[in-house]
Amino acid sequence: MDLGEQILKILNKKYEPLSLIETRFNQFDLAFKTDRDGLPLVAFVGHKDDAGKLLGERFARRLRQLVNGRIIKESWEYKGEACMECSASRN
C-alpha cells in the first residue's frame, strides 16, 4: 500500500511535539506519532476494532534536515502490517 496524496497532506503538517495523534480519513482510522519538532515520524493506517486497537499498516518517515530544521529530503517507507493500541485503550 502507498500513502495517498491526501493522507500525505495530513502528515506534512506540524502537530503537538512528542504526542500520538488520532484522526479519521475517509473510511480509514489514522494514528501517528510526532517527534520533538511536531513532525509525524510513524503512521498507522487501518481500522480500529471494538477494543480500540488499530489494525492495519505501518509507515515510517525518513527525514534529512539541516541544523536549522529545514527539510532537504524525506520519504515514507512501508514497514508492513501492524496492530497498535490507541490512546482510548491506554492508561
C-alpha atoms as a PDB file:
ATOM      1  CA  MET A   1       0.000   0.000   0.000  1.00  0.00           C
ATOM      2  CA  ASP A   2       1.155   3.502  -0.792  1.00  0.00           C
ATOM      3  CA  LEU A   3       0.189   6.574   1.199  1.00  0.00           C
ATOM      4  CA  GLY A   4      -2.139   8.659  -0.899  1.00  0.00           C
ATOM      5  CA  GLU A   5      -1.689  12.306  -1.723  1.00  0.00           C
ATOM      6  CA  GLN A   6      -4.463  13.399   0.654  1.00  0.00           C
ATOM      7  CA  ILE A   7      -3.023  11.424   3.585  1.00  0.00           C
ATOM      8  CA  LEU A   8       0.402  12.921   2.867  1.00  0.00           C
ATOM      9  CA  LYS A   9      -1.145  16.399   3.144  1.00  0.00           C
ATOM     10  CA  ILE A  10      -2.243  15.493   6.679  1.00  0.00           C
ATOM     11  CA  LEU A  11       1.169  14.048   7.543  1.00  0.00           C
ATOM     12  CA  ASN A  12       3.118  17.026   6.178  1.00  0.00           C
ATOM     13  CA  LYS A  13       1.716  19.407   8.814  1.00  0.00           C
ATOM     14  CA  LYS A  14       3.214  20.126  12.231  1.00  0.00           C
ATOM     15  CA  TYR A  15       1.427  18.911  15.349  1.00  0.00           C
ATOM     16  CA  GLU A  16       1.967  18.853  19.094  1.00  0.00           C
ATOM     17  CA  PRO A  17       5.515  17.610  19.826  1.00  0.00           C
ATOM     18  CA  LEU A  18       6.050  14.104  21.219  1.00  0.00           C
ATOM     19  CA  SER A  19       2.429  13.029  21.007  1.00  0.00           C
ATOM     20  CA  LEU A  20       0.138  10.441  19.478  1.00  0.00           C
ATOM     21  CA  ILE A  21      -2.437  11.989  17.153  1.00  0.00           C
ATOM     22  CA  GLU A  22      -5.526  10.032  16.138  1.00  0.00           C
ATOM     23  CA  THR A  23      -7.855  11.093  13.346  1.00  0.00           C
ATOM     24  CA  ARG A  24     -10.134   9.669  10.701  1.00  0.00           C
ATOM     25  CA  PHE A  25      -9.688   9.990   6.943  1.00  0.00           C
ATOM     26  CA  ASN A  26     -12.481   8.739   4.668  1.00  0.00           C
ATOM     27  CA  GLN A  27     -13.062   5.131   5.751  1.00  0.00           C
ATOM     28  CA  PHE A  28      -9.643   4.762   7.462  1.00  0.00           C
ATOM     29  CA  ASP A  29      -8.509   5.415  11.001  1.00  0.00           C
ATOM     30  CA  LEU A  30      -5.171   7.205  11.074  1.00  0.00           C
ATOM     31  CA  ALA A  31      -2.774   7.473  14.025  1.00  0.00           C
ATOM     32  CA  PHE A  32       0.716   8.902  14.039  1.00  0.00           C
ATOM     33  CA  LYS A  33       3.488   9.699  16.499  1.00  0.00           C
ATOM     34  CA  THR A  34       5.337  13.001  16.343  1.00  0.00           C
ATOM     35  CA  ASP A  35       8.943  13.931  17.114  1.00  0.00           C
ATOM     36  CA  ARG A  36      10.190  16.806  19.293  1.00  0.00           C
ATOM     37  CA  ASP A  37       9.533  19.253  16.447  1.00  0.00           C
ATOM     38  CA  GLY A  38       5.941  18.078  15.944  1.00  0.00           C
ATOM     39  CA  LEU A  39       6.594  16.256  12.664  1.00  0.00           C
ATOM     40  CA  PRO A  40       4.905  12.861  12.197  1.00  0.00           C
ATOM     41  CA  LEU A  41       7.511  10.059  12.082  1.00  0.00           C
ATOM     42  CA  VAL A  42       5.473   6.854  12.369  1.00  0.00           C
ATOM     43  CA  ALA A  43       1.984   6.460  10.888  1.00  0.00           C
ATOM     44  CA  PHE A  44      -0.601   3.699  11.228  1.00  0.00           C
ATOM     45  CA  VAL A  45      -3.425   3.443   8.680  1.00  0.00           C
ATOM     46  CA  GLY A  46      -6.245   0.940   9.067  1.00  0.00           C
ATOM     47  CA  HIS A  47      -9.397   0.272  11.068  1.00  0.00           C
ATOM     48  CA  LYS A  48      -9.988   0.273  14.822  1.00  0.00           C
ATOM     49  CA  ASP A  49     -11.562  -2.803  16.322  1.00  0.00           C
ATOM     50  CA  ASP A  50     -14.001  -2.825  19.263  1.00  0.00           C
ATOM     51  CA  ALA A  51     -11.122  -2.982  21.765  1.00  0.00           C
ATOM     52  CA  GLY A  52      -9.573   0.222  20.391  1.00  0.00           C
ATOM     53  CA  LYS A  53      -6.669  -1.427  18.569  1.00  0.00           C
ATOM     54  CA  LEU A  54      -5.789  -0.073  15.174  1.00  0.00           C
ATOM     55  CA  LEU A  55      -5.285  -2.948  12.745  1.00  0.00           C
ATOM     56  CA  GLY A  56      -3.635  -2.005   9.509  1.00  0.00           C
ATOM     57  CA  GLU A  57      -0.337  -0.941   8.049  1.00  0.00           C
ATOM     58  CA  ARG A  58       2.647   0.925   9.476  1.00  0.00           C
ATOM     59  CA  PHE A  59       4.754   3.545   7.725  1.00  0.00           C
ATOM     60  CA  ALA A  60       7.951   5.235   8.899  1.00  0.00           C
ATOM     61  CA  ARG A  61       9.239   8.600   7.760  1.00  0.00           C
ATOM     62  CA  ARG A  62      12.888   9.213   6.915  1.00  0.00           C
ATOM     63  CA  LEU A  63      13.989  12.825   7.136  1.00  0.00           C
ATOM     64  CA  ARG A  64      17.156  14.632   6.164  1.00  0.00           C
ATOM     65  CA  GLN A  65      17.275  18.011   7.859  1.00  0.00           C
ATOM     66  CA  LEU A  66      19.725  20.863   8.103  1.00  0.00           C
ATOM     67  CA  VAL A  67      20.773  22.180  11.512  1.00  0.00           C
ATOM     68  CA  ASN A  68      18.204  24.978  11.223  1.00  0.00           C
ATOM     69  CA  GLY A  69      15.420  22.367  10.813  1.00  0.00           C
ATOM     70  CA  ARG A  70      14.839  22.816   7.079  1.00  0.00           C
ATOM     71  CA  ILE A  71      13.904  19.501   5.460  1.00  0.00           C
ATOM     72  CA  ILE A  72      16.024  18.730   2.425  1.00  0.00           C
ATOM     73  CA  LYS A  73      14.841  15.173   1.773  1.00  0.00           C
ATOM     74  CA  GLU A  74      12.033  12.973   3.075  1.00  0.00           C
ATOM     75  CA  SER A  75      10.261   9.754   2.258  1.00  0.00           C
ATOM     76  CA  TRP A  76       7.669   7.430   3.781  1.00  0.00           C
ATOM     77  CA  GLU A  77       8.514   3.724   3.844  1.00  0.00           C
ATOM     78  CA  TYR A  78       6.023   0.883   4.168  1.00  0.00           C
ATOM     79  CA  LYS A  79       7.003  -1.275   7.159  1.00  0.00           C
ATOM     80  CA  GLY A  80       4.309  -3.959   6.982  1.00  0.00           C
ATOM     81  CA  GLU A  81       1.167  -4.901   8.819  1.00  0.00           C
ATOM     82  CA  ALA A  82       0.745  -3.673  12.359  1.00  0.00           C
ATOM     83  CA  CYS A  83      -1.529  -3.714  15.363  1.00  0.00           C
ATOM     84  CA  MET A  84      -1.372  -0.637  17.562  1.00  0.00           C
ATOM     85  CA  GLU A  85      -3.125   0.148  20.823  1.00  0.00           C
ATOM     86  CA  CYS A  86      -4.624   3.602  20.573  1.00  0.00           C
ATOM     87  CA  SER A  87      -4.958   6.123  23.389  1.00  0.00           C
ATOM     88  CA  ALA A  88      -8.575   5.145  24.056  1.00  0.00           C
ATOM     89  CA  SER A  89      -7.358   1.819  25.472  1.00  0.00           C
ATOM     90  CA  ARG A  90      -4.179   3.100  27.182  1.00  0.00           C
ATOM     91  CA  ASN A  91      -3.848   4.154  30.822  1.00  0.00           C
END
